[in-house]
C-alpha atoms as a PDB file:
ATOM      1  CA  MET A   1      43.158 -11.594 -46.045  1.00  0.00           C
ATOM      2  CA  GLU A   2      43.575 -12.856 -42.678  1.00  0.00           C
ATOM      3  CA  LEU A   3      40.929 -15.320 -41.368  1.00  0.00           C
ATOM      4  CA  LYS A   4      39.445 -13.913 -38.470  1.00  0.00           C
ATOM      5  CA  PRO A   5      36.307 -14.981 -36.123  1.00  0.00           C
ATOM      6  CA  GLY A   6      33.153 -13.148 -36.642  1.00  0.00           C
ATOM      7  CA  TYR A   7      32.979 -13.219 -40.366  1.00  0.00           C
ATOM      8  CA  THR A   8      31.160 -15.573 -42.871  1.00  0.00           C
ATOM      9  CA  VAL A   9      33.897 -16.576 -45.544  1.00  0.00           C
ATOM     10  CA  ASN A  10      33.759 -18.800 -48.515  1.00  0.00           C
ATOM     11  CA  LEU A  11      36.303 -21.643 -48.290  1.00  0.00           C
ATOM     12  CA  GLU A  12      37.135 -24.872 -50.255  1.00  0.00           C
ATOM     13  CA  VAL A  13      36.780 -28.256 -48.775  1.00  0.00           C
ATOM     14  CA  ILE A  14      40.212 -29.892 -48.997  1.00  0.00           C
ATOM     15  CA  ARG A  15      40.100 -33.175 -47.163  1.00  0.00           C
ATOM     16  CA  LYS A  16      38.184 -35.486 -44.857  1.00  0.00           C
ATOM     17  CA  ALA A  17      39.004 -36.298 -41.394  1.00  0.00           C
ATOM     18  CA  ASN A  18      37.595 -38.628 -38.773  1.00  0.00           C
ATOM     19  CA  PHE A  19      35.750 -36.074 -37.164  1.00  0.00           C
ATOM     20  CA  GLY A  20      34.677 -33.685 -40.012  1.00  0.00           C
ATOM     21  CA  TYR A  21      36.392 -31.816 -43.052  1.00  0.00           C
ATOM     22  CA  PHE A  22      39.274 -29.375 -43.288  1.00  0.00           C
ATOM     23  CA  LEU A  23      38.584 -26.293 -45.218  1.00  0.00           C
ATOM     24  CA  SER A  24      41.129 -23.922 -46.614  1.00  0.00           C
ATOM     25  CA  ASP A  25      41.538 -20.363 -48.249  1.00  0.00           C
ATOM     26  CA  GLY A  26      44.770 -21.374 -49.827  1.00  0.00           C
ATOM     27  CA  ASN A  27      46.996 -20.396 -46.764  1.00  0.00           C
ATOM     28  CA  THR A  28      45.028 -21.491 -43.573  1.00  0.00           C
ATOM     29  CA  ASP A  29      43.246 -24.662 -42.637  1.00  0.00           C
ATOM     30  CA  ILE A  30      40.524 -24.826 -40.588  1.00  0.00           C
ATOM     31  CA  LEU A  31      38.318 -27.560 -39.108  1.00  0.00           C
ATOM     32  CA  LEU A  32      34.510 -28.011 -39.892  1.00  0.00           C
ATOM     33  CA  HIS A  33      33.480 -30.344 -37.470  1.00  0.00           C
ATOM     34  CA  GLU A  34      30.901 -33.004 -38.491  1.00  0.00           C
ATOM     35  CA  ARG A  35      28.110 -31.683 -36.096  1.00  0.00           C
ATOM     36  CA  GLU A  36      28.573 -28.259 -37.724  1.00  0.00           C
ATOM     37  CA  ILE A  37      27.729 -29.659 -41.234  1.00  0.00           C
ATOM     38  CA  THR A  38      24.082 -28.612 -42.257  1.00  0.00           C
ATOM     39  CA  LYS A  39      24.122 -30.328 -45.851  1.00  0.00           C
ATOM     40  CA  GLU A  40      26.035 -32.753 -47.878  1.00  0.00           C
ATOM     41  CA  ILE A  41      29.531 -31.585 -49.010  1.00  0.00           C
ATOM     42  CA  ASN A  42      32.359 -33.258 -51.062  1.00  0.00           C
ATOM     43  CA  ILE A  43      36.016 -32.734 -51.454  1.00  0.00           C
ATOM     44  CA  GLY A  44      36.614 -29.523 -53.947  1.00  0.00           C
ATOM     45  CA  ASP A  45      33.320 -27.791 -52.914  1.00  0.00           C
ATOM     46  CA  HIS A  46      33.501 -24.059 -52.035  1.00  0.00           C
ATOM     47  CA  ILE A  47      31.242 -23.348 -49.235  1.00  0.00           C
ATOM     48  CA  ASP A  48      30.349 -20.284 -47.135  1.00  0.00           C
ATOM     49  CA  VAL A  49      30.988 -20.919 -43.376  1.00  0.00           C
ATOM     50  CA  PHE A  50      30.896 -18.769 -40.082  1.00  0.00           C
ATOM     51  CA  LEU A  51      34.310 -18.615 -38.442  1.00  0.00           C
ATOM     52  CA  TYR A  52      34.608 -18.835 -34.527  1.00  0.00           C
ATOM     53  CA  HIS A  53      36.902 -20.034 -31.984  1.00  0.00           C
ATOM     54  CA  ASP A  54      36.172 -23.543 -30.496  1.00  0.00           C
ATOM     55  CA  HIS A  55      36.115 -24.554 -26.683  1.00  0.00           C
ATOM     56  CA  GLN A  56      39.959 -25.190 -26.968  1.00  0.00           C
ATOM     57  CA  GLY A  57      40.601 -21.702 -28.370  1.00  0.00           C
ATOM     58  CA  ARG A  58      41.153 -22.942 -32.038  1.00  0.00           C
ATOM     59  CA  LEU A  59      39.564 -21.179 -35.139  1.00  0.00           C
ATOM     60  CA  ALA A  60      36.761 -23.358 -36.339  1.00  0.00           C
ATOM     61  CA  ALA A  61      33.986 -23.232 -38.811  1.00  0.00           C
ATOM     62  CA  THR A  62      30.347 -23.834 -38.899  1.00  0.00           C
ATOM     63  CA  MET A  63      27.711 -24.033 -41.547  1.00  0.00           C
ATOM     64  CA  GLU A  64      25.126 -22.738 -39.147  1.00  0.00           C
ATOM     65  CA  GLU A  65      24.050 -19.191 -39.829  1.00  0.00           C
ATOM     66  CA  PRO A  66      24.912 -16.992 -36.737  1.00  0.00           C
ATOM     67  CA  TYR A  67      22.203 -14.250 -35.845  1.00  0.00           C
ATOM     68  CA  LEU A  68      25.192 -11.783 -35.573  1.00  0.00           C
ATOM     69  CA  GLN A  69      28.315 -11.037 -37.591  1.00  0.00           C
ATOM     70  CA  VAL A  70      31.107  -8.419 -37.187  1.00  0.00           C
ATOM     71  CA  GLY A  71      29.631  -4.929 -38.202  1.00  0.00           C
ATOM     72  CA  GLU A  72      26.065  -5.707 -37.487  1.00  0.00           C
ATOM     73  CA  PHE A  73      23.801  -5.784 -34.303  1.00  0.00           C
ATOM     74  CA  ALA A  74      21.005  -8.063 -33.359  1.00  0.00           C
ATOM     75  CA  TRP A  75      18.717  -8.855 -30.356  1.00  0.00           C
ATOM     76  CA  LEU A  76      20.132 -11.899 -28.792  1.00  0.00           C
ATOM     77  CA  GLU A  77      18.724 -14.011 -26.035  1.00  0.00           C
ATOM     78  CA  ALA A  78      20.562 -14.740 -22.641  1.00  0.00           C
ATOM     79  CA  VAL A  79      21.075 -18.358 -21.922  1.00  0.00           C
ATOM     80  CA  GLU A  80      23.427 -18.500 -18.997  1.00  0.00           C
ATOM     81  CA  VAL A  81      24.751 -16.114 -16.172  1.00  0.00           C
ATOM     82  CA  LYS A  82      28.293 -16.453 -14.778  1.00  0.00           C
ATOM     83  CA  THR A  83      28.482 -14.774 -11.646  1.00  0.00           C
ATOM     84  CA  GLY A  84      31.747 -12.838 -11.541  1.00  0.00           C
ATOM     85  CA  HIS A  85      32.371 -13.158 -15.218  1.00  0.00           C
ATOM     86  CA  GLY A  86      29.316 -12.102 -17.491  1.00  0.00           C
ATOM     87  CA  VAL A  87      26.377 -13.343 -19.419  1.00  0.00           C
ATOM     88  CA  PHE A  88      26.166 -15.943 -22.396  1.00  0.00           C
ATOM     89  CA  PHE A  89      23.906 -15.104 -25.223  1.00  0.00           C
ATOM     90  CA  HIS A  90      22.576 -17.470 -28.141  1.00  0.00           C
ATOM     91  CA  ASN A  91      23.899 -16.406 -31.410  1.00  0.00           C
ATOM     92  CA  GLY A  92      22.385 -19.297 -33.568  1.00  0.00           C
ATOM     93  CA  ILE A  93      25.314 -21.443 -33.514  1.00  0.00           C
ATOM     94  CA  SER A  94      26.648 -23.926 -31.096  1.00  0.00           C
ATOM     95  CA  ARG A  95      29.059 -21.744 -29.330  1.00  0.00           C
ATOM     96  CA  ASP A  96      27.325 -19.044 -27.142  1.00  0.00           C
ATOM     97  CA  LEU A  97      28.523 -15.274 -27.232  1.00  0.00           C
ATOM     98  CA  PHE A  98      29.872 -14.022 -24.024  1.00  0.00           C
ATOM     99  CA  LEU A  99      29.250 -10.565 -22.656  1.00  0.00           C
ATOM    100  CA  SER A 100      31.688  -9.427 -20.083  1.00  0.00           C
ATOM    101  CA  MET A 101      30.851  -8.111 -16.682  1.00  0.00           C
ATOM    102  CA  ASP A 102      32.568  -4.957 -17.651  1.00  0.00           C
ATOM    103  CA  GLU A 103      29.796  -4.149 -19.942  1.00  0.00           C
ATOM    104  CA  LEU A 104      27.093  -4.750 -17.339  1.00  0.00           C
ATOM    105  CA  PRO A 105      26.230  -2.806 -14.038  1.00  0.00           C
ATOM    106  CA  TYR A 106      27.949  -3.284 -10.728  1.00  0.00           C
ATOM    107  CA  ASP A 107      24.670  -4.604  -9.176  1.00  0.00           C
ATOM    108  CA  ARG A 108      24.233  -8.122 -10.320  1.00  0.00           C
ATOM    109  CA  GLU A 109      20.487  -7.893  -9.680  1.00  0.00           C
ATOM    110  CA  LEU A 110      20.420  -5.665 -12.826  1.00  0.00           C
ATOM    111  CA  TRP A 111      22.203  -8.227 -14.898  1.00  0.00           C
ATOM    112  CA  PRO A 112      19.974 -10.022 -17.628  1.00  0.00           C
ATOM    113  CA  ARG A 113      18.635 -13.527 -16.935  1.00  0.00           C
ATOM    114  CA  PRO A 114      18.115 -16.409 -19.073  1.00  0.00           C
ATOM    115  CA  GLY A 115      15.387 -15.349 -21.604  1.00  0.00           C
ATOM    116  CA  ASP A 116      16.215 -11.728 -21.499  1.00  0.00           C
ATOM    117  CA  ARG A 117      17.089  -9.940 -24.701  1.00  0.00           C
ATOM    118  CA  LEU A 118      19.493  -7.251 -25.542  1.00  0.00           C
ATOM    119  CA  PRO A 119      20.918  -5.679 -28.640  1.00  0.00           C
ATOM    120  CA  LEU A 120      24.408  -6.614 -29.250  1.00  0.00           C
ATOM    121  CA  SER A 121      27.352  -6.346 -31.797  1.00  0.00           C
ATOM    122  CA  LEU A 122      30.543  -8.467 -32.027  1.00  0.00           C
ATOM    123  CA  THR A 123      33.969  -7.297 -31.454  1.00  0.00           C
ATOM    124  CA  TRP A 124      37.229  -9.163 -30.014  1.00  0.00           C
ATOM    125  CA  ASP A 125      39.153  -9.272 -26.865  1.00  0.00           C
ATOM    126  CA  LYS A 126      42.767  -8.598 -26.603  1.00  0.00           C
ATOM    127  CA  LYS A 127      43.373 -12.295 -27.486  1.00  0.00           C
ATOM    128  CA  GLY A 128      41.238 -12.096 -30.346  1.00  0.00           C
ATOM    129  CA  ARG A 129      38.441 -14.095 -29.132  1.00  0.00           C
ATOM    130  CA  LEU A 130      34.906 -13.118 -30.208  1.00  0.00           C
ATOM    131  CA  MET A 131      33.135 -11.024 -27.508  1.00  0.00           C
ATOM    132  CA  ALA A 132      29.674  -9.327 -27.206  1.00  0.00           C
ATOM    133  CA  LYS A 133      29.142  -5.573 -26.898  1.00  0.00           C
ATOM    134  CA  LEU A 134      26.139  -3.786 -25.723  1.00  0.00           C
ATOM    135  CA  VAL A 135      24.658  -1.546 -28.383  1.00  0.00           C
ATOM    136  CA  LYS A 136      22.897   1.698 -27.579  1.00  0.00           C
ATOM    137  CA  GLY A 137      21.998   5.039 -29.325  1.00  0.00           C
ATOM    138  CA  GLU A 138      21.974   5.705 -32.732  1.00  0.00           C
ATOM    139  CA  PRO A 139      21.898   2.002 -34.248  1.00  0.00           C
ATOM    140  CA  VAL A 140      18.763   1.047 -32.165  1.00  0.00           C
ATOM    141  CA  GLU A 141      17.150   4.404 -32.762  1.00  0.00           C
ATOM    142  CA  LYS A 142      17.495   3.743 -36.596  1.00  0.00           C
ATOM    143  CA  THR A 143      15.327   0.646 -36.452  1.00  0.00           C
ATOM    144  CA  SER A 144      12.581   2.096 -34.388  1.00  0.00           C
ATOM    145  CA  ILE A 145       9.250   3.838 -35.667  1.00  0.00           C
ATOM    146  CA  LYS A 146       7.435   6.676 -34.486  1.00  0.00           C
ATOM    147  CA  ALA A 147       4.526   6.103 -32.073  1.00  0.00           C
ATOM    148  CA  PRO A 148       1.049   7.446 -33.017  1.00  0.00           C
ATOM    149  CA  THR A 149      -1.035   9.487 -30.519  1.00  0.00           C
ATOM    150  CA  GLU A 150      -3.627   6.785 -30.471  1.00  0.00           C
ATOM    151  CA  VAL A 151      -1.372   4.750 -28.234  1.00  0.00           C
ATOM    152  CA  MET A 152      -1.873   7.117 -25.441  1.00  0.00           C
ATOM    153  CA  ASN A 153      -2.840   5.256 -22.096  1.00  0.00           C
ATOM    154  CA  LYS A 154      -2.740   2.079 -23.977  1.00  0.00           C
ATOM    155  CA  GLU A 155      -0.288  -0.892 -22.717  1.00  0.00           C
ATOM    156  CA  VAL A 156       2.900  -1.873 -24.630  1.00  0.00           C
ATOM    157  CA  SER A 157       5.473  -4.420 -23.992  1.00  0.00           C
ATOM    158  CA  GLY A 158       9.264  -4.091 -24.753  1.00  0.00           C
ATOM    159  CA  TYR A 159      12.926  -4.800 -23.630  1.00  0.00           C
ATOM    160  CA  VAL A 160      14.983  -2.696 -21.629  1.00  0.00           C
ATOM    161  CA  TYR A 161      18.155  -1.967 -23.307  1.00  0.00           C
ATOM    162  CA  HIS A 162      19.956   1.102 -21.632  1.00  0.00           C
ATOM    163  CA  PHE A 163      20.039   3.046 -18.454  1.00  0.00           C
ATOM    164  CA  LEU A 164      20.194   6.729 -17.912  1.00  0.00           C
ATOM    165  CA  ASP A 165      20.594   8.898 -14.790  1.00  0.00           C
ATOM    166  CA  GLU A 166      16.772   9.621 -15.028  1.00  0.00           C
ATOM    167  CA  GLY A 167      15.382   6.126 -15.957  1.00  0.00           C
ATOM    168  CA  ALA A 168      15.533   3.438 -18.651  1.00  0.00           C
ATOM    169  CA  LEU A 169      15.098   3.223 -22.466  1.00  0.00           C
ATOM    170  CA  MET A 170      13.206   0.468 -23.962  1.00  0.00           C
ATOM    171  CA  LEU A 171      12.360  -0.753 -27.441  1.00  0.00           C
ATOM    172  CA  THR A 172       8.746  -1.914 -27.552  1.00  0.00           C
ATOM    173  CA  ASP A 173       7.464  -4.920 -29.518  1.00  0.00           C
ATOM    174  CA  GLU A 174       5.721  -2.474 -31.766  1.00  0.00           C
ATOM    175  CA  GLY A 175       9.162  -0.746 -32.445  1.00  0.00           C
ATOM    176  CA  TYR A 176       8.857   2.320 -30.437  1.00  0.00           C
ATOM    177  CA  ILE A 177      11.567   4.043 -28.283  1.00  0.00           C
ATOM    178  CA  ALA A 178      10.081   4.464 -24.867  1.00  0.00           C
ATOM    179  CA  PHE A 179      11.341   6.199 -21.864  1.00  0.00           C
ATOM    180  CA  LEU A 180      10.749   4.794 -18.202  1.00  0.00           C
ATOM    181  CA  HIS A 181      11.593   7.329 -15.383  1.00  0.00           C
ATOM    182  CA  HIS A 182      12.671   6.075 -11.949  1.00  0.00           C
ATOM    183  CA  ASP A 183       9.592   7.403 -10.395  1.00  0.00           C
ATOM    184  CA  GLU A 184       7.462   5.432 -12.783  1.00  0.00           C
ATOM    185  CA  MET A 185       8.898   2.249 -11.539  1.00  0.00           C
ATOM    186  CA  ILE A 186       7.669  -0.237  -9.523  1.00  0.00           C
ATOM    187  CA  HIS A 187      10.522  -2.459  -9.200  1.00  0.00           C
ATOM    188  CA  SER A 188      14.110  -1.743 -10.799  1.00  0.00           C
ATOM    189  CA  PRO A 189      13.980  -3.397 -14.098  1.00  0.00           C
ATOM    190  CA  ARG A 190      16.942  -5.582 -15.488  1.00  0.00           C
ATOM    191  CA  TYR A 191      19.311  -5.271 -18.494  1.00  0.00           C
ATOM    192  CA  GLY A 192      17.120  -6.909 -21.205  1.00  0.00           C
ATOM    193  CA  GLU A 193      14.042  -7.556 -19.120  1.00  0.00           C
ATOM    194  CA  HIS A 194      10.621  -7.695 -21.006  1.00  0.00           C
ATOM    195  CA  LEU A 195       8.331  -5.213 -19.420  1.00  0.00           C
ATOM    196  CA  GLN A 196       4.693  -4.488 -19.933  1.00  0.00           C
ATOM    197  CA  VAL A 197       3.972  -0.674 -19.386  1.00  0.00           C
ATOM    198  CA  ARG A 198       1.513   1.955 -19.885  1.00  0.00           C
ATOM    199  CA  VAL A 199       1.848   5.032 -22.250  1.00  0.00           C
ATOM    200  CA  GLN A 200       1.755   8.272 -20.403  1.00  0.00           C
ATOM    201  CA  PHE A 201       2.725  10.773 -23.054  1.00  0.00           C
ATOM    202  CA  VAL A 202       3.529  10.679 -26.995  1.00  0.00           C
ATOM    203  CA  ARG A 203       6.304  13.016 -27.597  1.00  0.00           C
ATOM    204  CA  GLU A 204       6.636  15.064 -31.093  1.00  0.00           C
ATOM    205  CA  ASP A 205       9.605  13.100 -32.217  1.00  0.00           C
ATOM    206  CA  GLY A 206       7.286   9.862 -31.819  1.00  0.00           C
ATOM    207  CA  ARG A 207       8.905   8.663 -28.715  1.00  0.00           C
ATOM    208  CA  ILE A 208       6.874   7.751 -25.702  1.00  0.00           C
ATOM    209  CA  ASN A 209       7.102   8.140 -21.764  1.00  0.00           C
ATOM    210  CA  VAL A 210       5.627   5.143 -20.090  1.00  0.00           C
ATOM    211  CA  THR A 211       4.873   3.894 -16.618  1.00  0.00           C
ATOM    212  CA  MET A 212       4.794   0.615 -14.671  1.00  0.00           C
ATOM    213  CA  ARG A 213       1.990   2.045 -12.596  1.00  0.00           C
ATOM    214  CA  PRO A 214      -1.745   1.309 -13.355  1.00  0.00           C
ATOM    215  CA  LEU A 215      -4.323   4.103 -14.033  1.00  0.00           C
ATOM    216  CA  ARG A 216      -5.353   5.983 -10.865  1.00  0.00           C
ATOM    217  CA  SER A 217      -8.545   4.118 -10.872  1.00  0.00           C
ATOM    218  CA  GLU A 218      -6.912   0.810 -10.878  1.00  0.00           C
ATOM    219  CA  GLN A 219      -4.752   1.841  -8.272  1.00  0.00           C
ATOM    220  CA  GLN A 220      -7.496   3.234  -6.285  1.00  0.00           C
ATOM    221  CA  GLU A 221      -9.155  -0.229  -6.608  1.00  0.00           C
ATOM    222  CA  GLU A 222      -5.942  -2.144  -5.689  1.00  0.00           C
ATOM    223  CA  ASP A 223      -5.424  -0.135  -2.499  1.00  0.00           C
ATOM    224  CA  ALA A 224      -9.063  -0.385  -1.239  1.00  0.00           C
ATOM    225  CA  GLU A 225      -8.936  -4.072  -1.875  1.00  0.00           C
ATOM    226  CA  ARG A 226      -5.739  -4.414   0.189  1.00  0.00           C
ATOM    227  CA  ILE A 227      -7.124  -2.282   3.019  1.00  0.00           C
ATOM    228  CA  PHE A 228     -10.337  -4.196   2.990  1.00  0.00           C
ATOM    229  CA  THR A 229      -8.428  -7.314   3.306  1.00  0.00           C
ATOM    230  CA  PHE A 230      -6.284  -5.922   6.179  1.00  0.00           C
ATOM    231  CA  LEU A 231      -9.636  -5.096   7.995  1.00  0.00           C
ATOM    232  CA  GLN A 232     -10.919  -8.719   7.425  1.00  0.00           C
ATOM    233  CA  GLU A 233      -7.719 -10.336   8.661  1.00  0.00           C
ATOM    234  CA  ARG A 234      -8.009  -8.151  12.018  1.00  0.00           C
ATOM    235  CA  GLY A 235     -11.713  -9.167  12.785  1.00  0.00           C
ATOM    236  CA  GLY A 236     -13.172  -6.156  10.920  1.00  0.00           C
ATOM    237  CA  SER A 237     -11.320  -3.181  12.685  1.00  0.00           C
ATOM    238  CA  MET A 238      -8.029  -1.198  12.478  1.00  0.00           C
ATOM    239  CA  PRO A 239      -6.796   1.722  14.326  1.00  0.00           C
ATOM    240  CA  TYR A 240      -6.340   3.879  11.327  1.00  0.00           C
ATOM    241  CA  TRP A 241      -8.636   6.342   9.667  1.00  0.00           C
ATOM    242  CA  ASP A 242      -8.425   9.120   7.442  1.00  0.00           C
ATOM    243  CA  LYS A 243      -6.832  11.430  10.084  1.00  0.00           C
ATOM    244  CA  SER A 244      -3.950   8.995  10.934  1.00  0.00           C
ATOM    245  CA  PRO A 245      -0.428  10.399  10.669  1.00  0.00           C
ATOM    246  CA  PRO A 246       1.105   9.885   7.079  1.00  0.00           C
ATOM    247  CA  GLU A 247       4.272   8.106   8.525  1.00  0.00           C
ATOM    248  CA  ASP A 248       1.724   5.624  10.264  1.00  0.00           C
ATOM    249  CA  ILE A 249      -0.027   4.932   7.029  1.00  0.00           C
ATOM    250  CA  GLU A 250       3.126   4.378   4.916  1.00  0.00           C
ATOM    251  CA  LEU A 251       4.683   2.158   7.527  1.00  0.00           C
ATOM    252  CA  ARG A 252       1.565  -0.132   7.592  1.00  0.00           C
ATOM    253  CA  PHE A 253       0.275   0.022   4.108  1.00  0.00           C
ATOM    254  CA  SER A 254       3.533   1.234   1.980  1.00  0.00           C
ATOM    255  CA  ILE A 255       1.251   3.943   0.260  1.00  0.00           C
ATOM    256  CA  SER A 256       1.028   7.751   0.739  1.00  0.00           C
ATOM    257  CA  LYS A 257      -1.655   9.197   2.936  1.00  0.00           C
ATOM    258  CA  ALA A 258      -3.436  10.824  -0.308  1.00  0.00           C
ATOM    259  CA  LYS A 259      -3.618   7.257  -1.581  1.00  0.00           C
ATOM    260  CA  PHE A 260      -4.918   6.047   1.513  1.00  0.00           C
ATOM    261  CA  LYS A 261      -7.672   8.689   1.823  1.00  0.00           C
ATOM    262  CA  ARG A 262      -8.868   7.988  -1.526  1.00  0.00           C
ATOM    263  CA  ALA A 263      -9.023   4.242  -1.335  1.00  0.00           C
ATOM    264  CA  LEU A 264     -10.893   4.634   2.307  1.00  0.00           C
ATOM    265  CA  GLY A 265     -13.126   7.095   0.685  1.00  0.00           C
ATOM    266  CA  LYS A 266     -14.120   4.573  -2.122  1.00  0.00           C
ATOM    267  CA  LEU A 267     -14.797   1.971   0.597  1.00  0.00           C
ATOM    268  CA  MET A 268     -16.983   4.211   2.391  1.00  0.00           C
ATOM    269  CA  LYS A 269     -18.871   5.227  -0.699  1.00  0.00           C
ATOM    270  CA  GLU A 270     -19.408   1.775  -1.293  1.00  0.00           C
ATOM    271  CA  LYS A 271     -20.890   1.587   2.209  1.00  0.00           C
ATOM    272  CA  LYS A 272     -18.272  -1.119   3.126  1.00  0.00           C
ATOM    273  CA  VAL A 273     -16.742   0.380   5.826  1.00  0.00           C
ATOM    274  CA  GLU A 274     -17.223   3.311   8.542  1.00  0.00           C
ATOM    275  CA  GLN A 275     -15.071   5.438  10.726  1.00  0.00           C
ATOM    276  CA  ARG A 276     -15.342   6.191  14.589  1.00  0.00           C
ATOM    277  CA  ASP A 277     -13.181   7.687  17.111  1.00  0.00           C
ATOM    278  CA  GLY A 278      -9.957   7.083  14.989  1.00  0.00           C
ATOM    279  CA  TRP A 279     -10.960   3.628  14.049  1.00  0.00           C
ATOM    280  CA  THR A 280     -12.145   2.172  10.746  1.00  0.00           C
ATOM    281  CA  HIS A 281     -14.604  -0.646  11.302  1.00  0.00           C
ATOM    282  CA  ILE A 282     -16.336  -2.895   8.374  1.00  0.00           C
ATOM    283  CA  LYS A 283     -20.205  -2.022   8.472  1.00  0.00           C
ATOM    284  CA  LYS A 284     -22.271  -4.955   9.863  1.00  0.00           C
END
């Protein structure tokens, strides 16, 4: 059988070199560099090693165990972004695994950053070099579990691993498949980004719909605080009230008129502000 990178194979230690040992399957000799040796070995031993290409493109061996081999998939951590080329991921060995920009969105802002994690499999490029490939669909789904109805309105965290026309898919830390609709995003998440979200709906198939947005009561509190801070910064008065045009409110506060009115109503109910002649004032 031809020796190819991406597999763990059993080879014989045939001779010592200044910088390690040479291994063989009887047909091909492969270098095991001294920095890739994890335990004592001797000439004549048969050892399990993982094959990869070194920085000079030569087939090499390591006794380190990779997280991922050909025929498997695993969640790997991004370690370096090469603009215009792709992203490198740590695979448990000294040689990082490359994910080409061809697998990633055109928008570089959506690329994974160091620390992000994605489900990847191994393949080869046209020159036979190991490459990472994004995994989606059935392989990830098979590892998921059904969410119980008790998670409704609870916060969960997970990694974004795939984008659809309507939004993004996540796998939560608990193992649930989660769908995040575009309308429920506060910002556009990256591939591999770890997000904290809230469960909006638990489907019959055990998947969940999630949102980045807080509960209405929490959002109202946040909006009210922002409006009150704005009033304080303007000396206690502002030329906006509950009858101001929607476009003026959105331009100034980046919220809808309905949200503005709810937040203003909260401040008035708490007797913090009052309205007069098209203005809102902090109550003395």
